[in-house]
Amino acid sequence: MVAKREKFSSQASPELLAEMREIASNQGRYFQTVLEDAMRLYIETSKQERSRPEVMAHYRDSVAKHRRLYELLAQ
């Protein structure tokens, strides 16, 4: 069964489009399927929760502060 497609118009840098076209050509795939894969990957990664920068800063500080304890626990 063929997936239904919807046309849309957008713009991208010529360099980015050239790289996408090259990937499609090297893989023997249609440009639109490579673009759809890139869009799906972007959507999936965008849905993943990301820690706020201040939370990550506290985590890094904690790891640095307790590094010796973590090394001992790992043994």
PDB file of N, CA and C in Angstrom:
ATOM      1  N   MET A   1       0.839  -1.182   0.000  1.00  0.00           N
ATOM      2  CA  MET A   1       0.000   0.000   0.000  1.00  0.00           C
ATOM      3  C   MET A   1       0.882   1.243   0.000  1.00  0.00           C
ATOM      4  N   VAL A   2       0.575   2.172  -0.848  1.00  0.00           N
ATOM      5  CA  VAL A   2       1.356   3.394  -0.991  1.00  0.00           C
ATOM      6  C   VAL A   2       0.897   4.408   0.050  1.00  0.00           C
ATOM      7  N   ALA A   3       1.874   4.989   0.762  1.00  0.00           N
ATOM      8  CA  ALA A   3       1.550   5.997   1.763  1.00  0.00           C
ATOM      9  C   ALA A   3       1.074   7.272   1.074  1.00  0.00           C
ATOM     10  N   LYS A   4       0.061   7.887   1.657  1.00  0.00           N
ATOM     11  CA  LYS A   4      -0.449   9.140   1.107  1.00  0.00           C
ATOM     12  C   LYS A   4       0.572  10.240   1.365  1.00  0.00           C
ATOM     13  N   ARG A   5       0.778  11.068   0.391  1.00  0.00           N
ATOM     14  CA  ARG A   5       1.746  12.151   0.493  1.00  0.00           C
ATOM     15  C   ARG A   5       1.037  13.492   0.334  1.00  0.00           C
ATOM     16  N   GLU A   6       1.597  14.504   0.980  1.00  0.00           N
ATOM     17  CA  GLU A   6       1.075  15.862   0.870  1.00  0.00           C
ATOM     18  C   GLU A   6       2.212  16.778   0.453  1.00  0.00           C
ATOM     19  N   LYS A   7       1.993  17.541  -0.587  1.00  0.00           N
ATOM     20  CA  LYS A   7       3.016  18.468  -1.054  1.00  0.00           C
ATOM     21  C   LYS A   7       3.096  19.657  -0.113  1.00  0.00           C
ATOM     22  N   PHE A   8       4.310  20.156   0.067  1.00  0.00           N
ATOM     23  CA  PHE A   8       4.514  21.373   0.841  1.00  0.00           C
ATOM     24  C   PHE A   8       5.690  22.113   0.239  1.00  0.00           C
ATOM     25  N   SER A   9       5.791  23.368   0.573  1.00  0.00           N
ATOM     26  CA  SER A   9       6.869  24.180   0.040  1.00  0.00           C
ATOM     27  C   SER A   9       7.660  24.761   1.204  1.00  0.00           C
ATOM     28  N   SER A  10       8.958  24.760   1.072  1.00  0.00           N
ATOM     29  CA  SER A  10       9.821  25.330   2.089  1.00  0.00           C
ATOM     30  C   SER A  10      11.128  25.754   1.442  1.00  0.00           C
ATOM     31  N   GLN A  11      12.038  26.257   2.229  1.00  0.00           N
ATOM     32  CA  GLN A  11      13.331  26.667   1.713  1.00  0.00           C
ATOM     33  C   GLN A  11      14.418  26.135   2.634  1.00  0.00           C
ATOM     34  N   ALA A  12      15.584  25.887   2.063  1.00  0.00           N
ATOM     35  CA  ALA A  12      16.754  25.454   2.821  1.00  0.00           C
ATOM     36  C   ALA A  12      17.994  25.964   2.114  1.00  0.00           C
ATOM     37  N   SER A  13      19.098  25.939   2.818  1.00  0.00           N
ATOM     38  CA  SER A  13      20.336  26.405   2.198  1.00  0.00           C
ATOM     39  C   SER A  13      20.732  25.455   1.068  1.00  0.00           C
ATOM     40  N   PRO A  14      21.328  25.983   0.024  1.00  0.00           N
ATOM     41  CA  PRO A  14      21.750  25.135  -1.091  1.00  0.00           C
ATOM     42  C   PRO A  14      22.717  24.032  -0.655  1.00  0.00           C
ATOM     43  N   GLU A  15      23.588  24.342   0.310  1.00  0.00           N
ATOM     44  CA  GLU A  15      24.558  23.354   0.786  1.00  0.00           C
ATOM     45  C   GLU A  15      23.857  22.192   1.486  1.00  0.00           C
ATOM     46  N   LEU A  16      22.871  22.511   2.303  1.00  0.00           N
ATOM     47  CA  LEU A  16      22.122  21.475   3.012  1.00  0.00           C
ATOM     48  C   LEU A  16      21.358  20.586   2.037  1.00  0.00           C
ATOM     49  N   LEU A  17      20.720  21.202   1.075  1.00  0.00           N
ATOM     50  CA  LEU A  17      19.985  20.432   0.063  1.00  0.00           C
ATOM     51  C   LEU A  17      20.928  19.558  -0.757  1.00  0.00           C
ATOM     52  N   ALA A  18      22.091  20.093  -1.090  1.00  0.00           N
ATOM     53  CA  ALA A  18      23.060  19.320  -1.863  1.00  0.00           C
ATOM     54  C   ALA A  18      23.516  18.091  -1.073  1.00  0.00           C
ATOM     55  N   GLU A  19      23.748  18.267   0.231  1.00  0.00           N
ATOM     56  CA  GLU A  19      24.158  17.128   1.063  1.00  0.00           C
ATOM     57  C   GLU A  19      23.058  16.078   1.148  1.00  0.00           C
ATOM     58  N   MET A  20      21.816  16.529   1.307  1.00  0.00           N
ATOM     59  CA  MET A  20      20.694  15.583   1.369  1.00  0.00           C
ATOM     60  C   MET A  20      20.545  14.835   0.050  1.00  0.00           C
ATOM     61  N   ARG A  21      20.690  15.541  -1.054  1.00  0.00           N
ATOM     62  CA  ARG A  21      20.586  14.895  -2.369  1.00  0.00           C
ATOM     63  C   ARG A  21      21.721  13.886  -2.572  1.00  0.00           C
ATOM     64  N   GLU A  22      22.908  14.238  -2.088  1.00  0.00           N
ATOM     65  CA  GLU A  22      24.047  13.331  -2.207  1.00  0.00           C
ATOM     66  C   GLU A  22      23.819  12.061  -1.383  1.00  0.00           C
ATOM     67  N   ILE A  23      23.293  12.217  -0.182  1.00  0.00           N
ATOM     68  CA  ILE A  23      22.974  11.052   0.648  1.00  0.00           C
ATOM     69  C   ILE A  23      21.970  10.160  -0.059  1.00  0.00           C
ATOM     70  N   ALA A  24      20.929  10.766  -0.583  1.00  0.00           N
ATOM     71  CA  ALA A  24      19.905   9.995  -1.299  1.00  0.00           C
ATOM     72  C   ALA A  24      20.520   9.258  -2.480  1.00  0.00           C
ATOM     73  N   SER A  25      21.340   9.944  -3.236  1.00  0.00           N
ATOM     74  CA  SER A  25      21.965   9.332  -4.411  1.00  0.00           C
ATOM     75  C   SER A  25      22.891   8.189  -4.008  1.00  0.00           C
ATOM     76  N   ASN A  26      23.722   8.422  -2.988  1.00  0.00           N
ATOM     77  CA  ASN A  26      24.664   7.391  -2.536  1.00  0.00           C
ATOM     78  C   ASN A  26      23.947   6.147  -2.008  1.00  0.00           C
ATOM     79  N   GLN A  27      22.772   6.349  -1.432  1.00  0.00           N
ATOM     80  CA  GLN A  27      22.015   5.224  -0.881  1.00  0.00           C
ATOM     81  C   GLN A  27      21.029   4.639  -1.878  1.00  0.00           C
ATOM     82  N   GLY A  28      20.957   5.226  -3.082  1.00  0.00           N
ATOM     83  CA  GLY A  28      20.018   4.749  -4.090  1.00  0.00           C
ATOM     84  C   GLY A  28      18.569   4.934  -3.677  1.00  0.00           C
ATOM     85  N   ARG A  29      18.300   6.024  -2.981  1.00  0.00           N
ATOM     86  CA  ARG A  29      16.960   6.292  -2.467  1.00  0.00           C
ATOM     87  C   ARG A  29      16.439   7.587  -3.067  1.00  0.00           C
ATOM     88  N   TYR A  30      15.132   7.775  -2.973  1.00  0.00           N
ATOM     89  CA  TYR A  30      14.526   9.029  -3.402  1.00  0.00           C
ATOM     90  C   TYR A  30      14.815  10.105  -2.360  1.00  0.00           C
ATOM     91  N   PHE A  31      14.991  11.335  -2.848  1.00  0.00           N
ATOM     92  CA  PHE A  31      15.237  12.469  -1.965  1.00  0.00           C
ATOM     93  C   PHE A  31      14.126  12.603  -0.922  1.00  0.00           C
ATOM     94  N   GLN A  32      12.878  12.444  -1.350  1.00  0.00           N
ATOM     95  CA  GLN A  32      11.752  12.633  -0.421  1.00  0.00           C
ATOM     96  C   GLN A  32      11.781  11.628   0.718  1.00  0.00           C
ATOM     97  N   THR A  33      12.257  10.400   0.481  1.00  0.00           N
ATOM     98  CA  THR A  33      12.298   9.422   1.584  1.00  0.00           C
ATOM     99  C   THR A  33      13.412   9.756   2.571  1.00  0.00           C
ATOM    100  N   VAL A  34      14.529  10.269   2.055  1.00  0.00           N
ATOM    101  CA  VAL A  34      15.609  10.696   2.953  1.00  0.00           C
ATOM    102  C   VAL A  34      15.142  11.889   3.782  1.00  0.00           C
ATOM    103  N   LEU A  35      14.437  12.817   3.150  1.00  0.00           N
ATOM    104  CA  LEU A  35      13.901  13.975   3.864  1.00  0.00           C
ATOM    105  C   LEU A  35      12.896  13.536   4.931  1.00  0.00           C
ATOM    106  N   GLU A  36      12.025  12.593   4.600  1.00  0.00           N
ATOM    107  CA  GLU A  36      11.061  12.086   5.589  1.00  0.00           C
ATOM    108  C   GLU A  36      11.766  11.426   6.761  1.00  0.00           C
ATOM    109  N   ASP A  37      12.826  10.647   6.480  1.00  0.00           N
ATOM    110  CA  ASP A  37      13.585  10.034   7.569  1.00  0.00           C
ATOM    111  C   ASP A  37      14.203  11.091   8.480  1.00  0.00           C
ATOM    112  N   ALA A  38      14.748  12.142   7.882  1.00  0.00           N
ATOM    113  CA  ALA A  38      15.344  13.229   8.666  1.00  0.00           C
ATOM    114  C   ALA A  38      14.280  13.931   9.515  1.00  0.00           C
ATOM    115  N   MET A  39      13.105  14.124   8.948  1.00  0.00           N
ATOM    116  CA  MET A  39      12.017  14.764   9.694  1.00  0.00           C
ATOM    117  C   MET A  39      11.567  13.885  10.858  1.00  0.00           C
ATOM    118  N   ARG A  40      11.450  12.565  10.607  1.00  0.00           N
ATOM    119  CA  ARG A  40      11.050  11.646  11.681  1.00  0.00           C
ATOM    120  C   ARG A  40      12.070  11.653  12.820  1.00  0.00           C
ATOM    121  N   LEU A  41      13.353  11.603  12.468  1.00  0.00           N
ATOM    122  CA  LEU A  41      14.407  11.616  13.479  1.00  0.00           C
ATOM    123  C   LEU A  41      14.357  12.902  14.290  1.00  0.00           C
ATOM    124  N   TYR A  42      14.152  14.022  13.628  1.00  0.00           N
ATOM    125  CA  TYR A  42      14.056  15.304  14.328  1.00  0.00           C
ATOM    126  C   TYR A  42      12.878  15.305  15.296  1.00  0.00           C
ATOM    127  N   ILE A  43      11.745  14.786  14.851  1.00  0.00           N
ATOM    128  CA  ILE A  43      10.558  14.738  15.712  1.00  0.00           C
ATOM    129  C   ILE A  43      10.806  13.845  16.918  1.00  0.00           C
ATOM    130  N   GLU A  44      11.401  12.667  16.694  1.00  0.00           N
ATOM    131  CA  GLU A  44      11.675  11.745  17.795  1.00  0.00           C
ATOM    132  C   GLU A  44      12.610  12.370  18.826  1.00  0.00           C
ATOM    133  N   THR A  45      13.695  12.991  18.371  1.00  0.00           N
ATOM    134  CA  THR A  45      14.645  13.581  19.315  1.00  0.00           C
ATOM    135  C   THR A  45      14.061  14.813  20.000  1.00  0.00           C
ATOM    136  N   SER A  46      13.181  15.520  19.326  1.00  0.00           N
ATOM    137  CA  SER A  46      12.558  16.698  19.936  1.00  0.00           C
ATOM    138  C   SER A  46      11.584  16.310  21.042  1.00  0.00           C
ATOM    139  N   LYS A  47      11.008  15.116  20.950  1.00  0.00           N
ATOM    140  CA  LYS A  47      10.047  14.672  21.952  1.00  0.00           C
ATOM    141  C   LYS A  47      10.723  14.165  23.226  1.00  0.00           C
ATOM    142  N   GLN A  48      11.998  13.791  23.107  1.00  0.00           N
ATOM    143  CA  GLN A  48      12.699  13.294  24.278  1.00  0.00           C
ATOM    144  C   GLN A  48      12.907  14.436  25.257  1.00  0.00           C
ATOM    145  N   GLU A  49      12.741  14.109  26.538  1.00  0.00           N
ATOM    146  CA  GLU A  49      12.925  15.138  27.553  1.00  0.00           C
ATOM    147  C   GLU A  49      14.400  15.503  27.644  1.00  0.00           C
ATOM    148  N   ARG A  50      14.647  16.753  27.763  1.00  0.00           N
ATOM    149  CA  ARG A  50      16.009  17.232  27.925  1.00  0.00           C
ATOM    150  C   ARG A  50      16.097  17.952  29.262  1.00  0.00           C
ATOM    151  N   SER A  51      17.204  17.755  29.928  1.00  0.00           N
ATOM    152  CA  SER A  51      17.393  18.418  31.216  1.00  0.00           C
ATOM    153  C   SER A  51      17.714  19.888  30.989  1.00  0.00           C
ATOM    154  N   ARG A  52      17.215  20.689  31.888  1.00  0.00           N
ATOM    155  CA  ARG A  52      17.501  22.115  31.818  1.00  0.00           C
ATOM    156  C   ARG A  52      18.981  22.344  32.126  1.00  0.00           C
ATOM    157  N   PRO A  53      19.582  23.363  31.550  1.00  0.00           N
ATOM    158  CA  PRO A  53      21.013  23.617  31.762  1.00  0.00           C
ATOM    159  C   PRO A  53      21.393  23.744  33.234  1.00  0.00           C
ATOM    160  N   GLU A  54      20.545  24.375  34.033  1.00  0.00           N
ATOM    161  CA  GLU A  54      20.885  24.536  35.446  1.00  0.00           C
ATOM    162  C   GLU A  54      20.860  23.203  36.190  1.00  0.00           C
ATOM    163  N   VAL A  55      19.993  22.291  35.769  1.00  0.00           N
ATOM    164  CA  VAL A  55      19.951  20.961  36.367  1.00  0.00           C
ATOM    165  C   VAL A  55      21.225  20.197  36.026  1.00  0.00           C
ATOM    166  N   MET A  56      21.648  20.274  34.779  1.00  0.00           N
ATOM    167  CA  MET A  56      22.870  19.596  34.366  1.00  0.00           C
ATOM    168  C   MET A  56      24.091  20.193  35.068  1.00  0.00           C
ATOM    169  N   ALA A  57      24.089  21.485  35.316  1.00  0.00           N
ATOM    170  CA  ALA A  57      25.201  22.123  36.027  1.00  0.00           C
ATOM    171  C   ALA A  57      25.294  21.574  37.445  1.00  0.00           C
ATOM    172  N   HIS A  58      24.158  21.416  38.117  1.00  0.00           N
ATOM    173  CA  HIS A  58      24.153  20.847  39.470  1.00  0.00           C
ATOM    174  C   HIS A  58      24.635  19.400  39.434  1.00  0.00           C
ATOM    175  N   TYR A  59      24.219  18.652  38.430  1.00  0.00           N
ATOM    176  CA  TYR A  59      24.652  17.258  38.301  1.00  0.00           C
ATOM    177  C   TYR A  59      26.173  17.187  38.133  1.00  0.00           C
ATOM    178  N   ARG A  60      26.720  18.005  37.243  1.00  0.00           N
ATOM    179  CA  ARG A  60      28.171  17.995  37.024  1.00  0.00           C
ATOM    180  C   ARG A  60      28.917  18.395  38.288  1.00  0.00           C
ATOM    181  N   ASP A  61      28.404  19.389  39.017  1.00  0.00           N
ATOM    182  CA  ASP A  61      29.031  19.795  40.274  1.00  0.00           C
ATOM    183  C   ASP A  61      29.030  18.648  41.273  1.00  0.00           C
ATOM    184  N   SER A  62      27.916  17.939  41.360  1.00  0.00           N
ATOM    185  CA  SER A  62      27.796  16.820  42.291  1.00  0.00           C
ATOM    186  C   SER A  62      28.773  15.701  41.934  1.00  0.00           C
ATOM    187  N   VAL A  63      28.878  15.403  40.652  1.00  0.00           N
ATOM    188  CA  VAL A  63      29.806  14.354  40.217  1.00  0.00           C
ATOM    189  C   VAL A  63      31.239  14.752  40.554  1.00  0.00           C
ATOM    190  N   ALA A  64      31.588  16.003  40.316  1.00  0.00           N
ATOM    191  CA  ALA A  64      32.937  16.469  40.619  1.00  0.00           C
ATOM    192  C   ALA A  64      33.203  16.408  42.129  1.00  0.00           C
ATOM    193  N   LYS A  65      32.231  16.822  42.900  1.00  0.00           N
ATOM    194  CA  LYS A  65      32.388  16.863  44.356  1.00  0.00           C
ATOM    195  C   LYS A  65      32.526  15.463  44.951  1.00  0.00           C
ATOM    196  N   HIS A  66      31.795  14.500  44.415  1.00  0.00           N
ATOM    197  CA  HIS A  66      31.761  13.156  44.994  1.00  0.00           C
ATOM    198  C   HIS A  66      32.495  12.121  44.137  1.00  0.00           C
ATOM    199  N   ARG A  67      33.383  12.586  43.264  1.00  0.00           N
ATOM    200  CA  ARG A  67      34.093  11.686  42.348  1.00  0.00           C
ATOM    201  C   ARG A  67      34.788  10.548  43.086  1.00  0.00           C
ATOM    202  N   ARG A  68      35.502  10.838  44.157  1.00  0.00           N
ATOM    203  CA  ARG A  68      36.232   9.803  44.902  1.00  0.00           C
ATOM    204  C   ARG A  68      35.268   8.757  45.461  1.00  0.00           C
ATOM    205  N   LEU A  69      34.133   9.182  45.987  1.00  0.00           N
ATOM    206  CA  LEU A  69      33.136   8.245  46.512  1.00  0.00           C
ATOM    207  C   LEU A  69      32.639   7.332  45.393  1.00  0.00           C
ATOM    208  N   TYR A  70      32.352   7.885  44.227  1.00  0.00           N
ATOM    209  CA  TYR A  70      31.875   7.069  43.112  1.00  0.00           C
ATOM    210  C   TYR A  70      32.936   6.064  42.660  1.00  0.00           C
ATOM    211  N   GLU A  71      34.207   6.483  42.698  1.00  0.00           N
ATOM    212  CA  GLU A  71      35.279   5.559  42.328  1.00  0.00           C
ATOM    213  C   GLU A  71      35.349   4.395  43.315  1.00  0.00           C
ATOM    214  N   LEU A  72      35.227   4.700  44.605  1.00  0.00           N
ATOM    215  CA  LEU A  72      35.258   3.643  45.624  1.00  0.00           C
ATOM    216  C   LEU A  72      34.063   2.713  45.486  1.00  0.00           C
ATOM    217  N   LEU A  73      32.907   3.268  45.225  1.00  0.00           N
ATOM    218  CA  LEU A  73      31.708   2.434  45.064  1.00  0.00           C
ATOM    219  C   LEU A  73      31.800   1.554  43.826  1.00  0.00           C
ATOM    220  N   ALA A  74      32.506   2.004  42.822  1.00  0.00           N
ATOM    221  CA  ALA A  74      32.627   1.232  41.587  1.00  0.00           C
ATOM    222  C   ALA A  74      33.544   0.018  41.749  1.00  0.00           C
ATOM    223  N   GLN A  75      34.383   0.040  42.784  1.00  0.00           N
ATOM    224  CA  GLN A  75      35.316  -1.096  42.979  1.00  0.00           C
ATOM    225  C   GLN A  75      34.640  -2.256  43.565  1.00  0.00           C
TER     226      GLN A  75
END
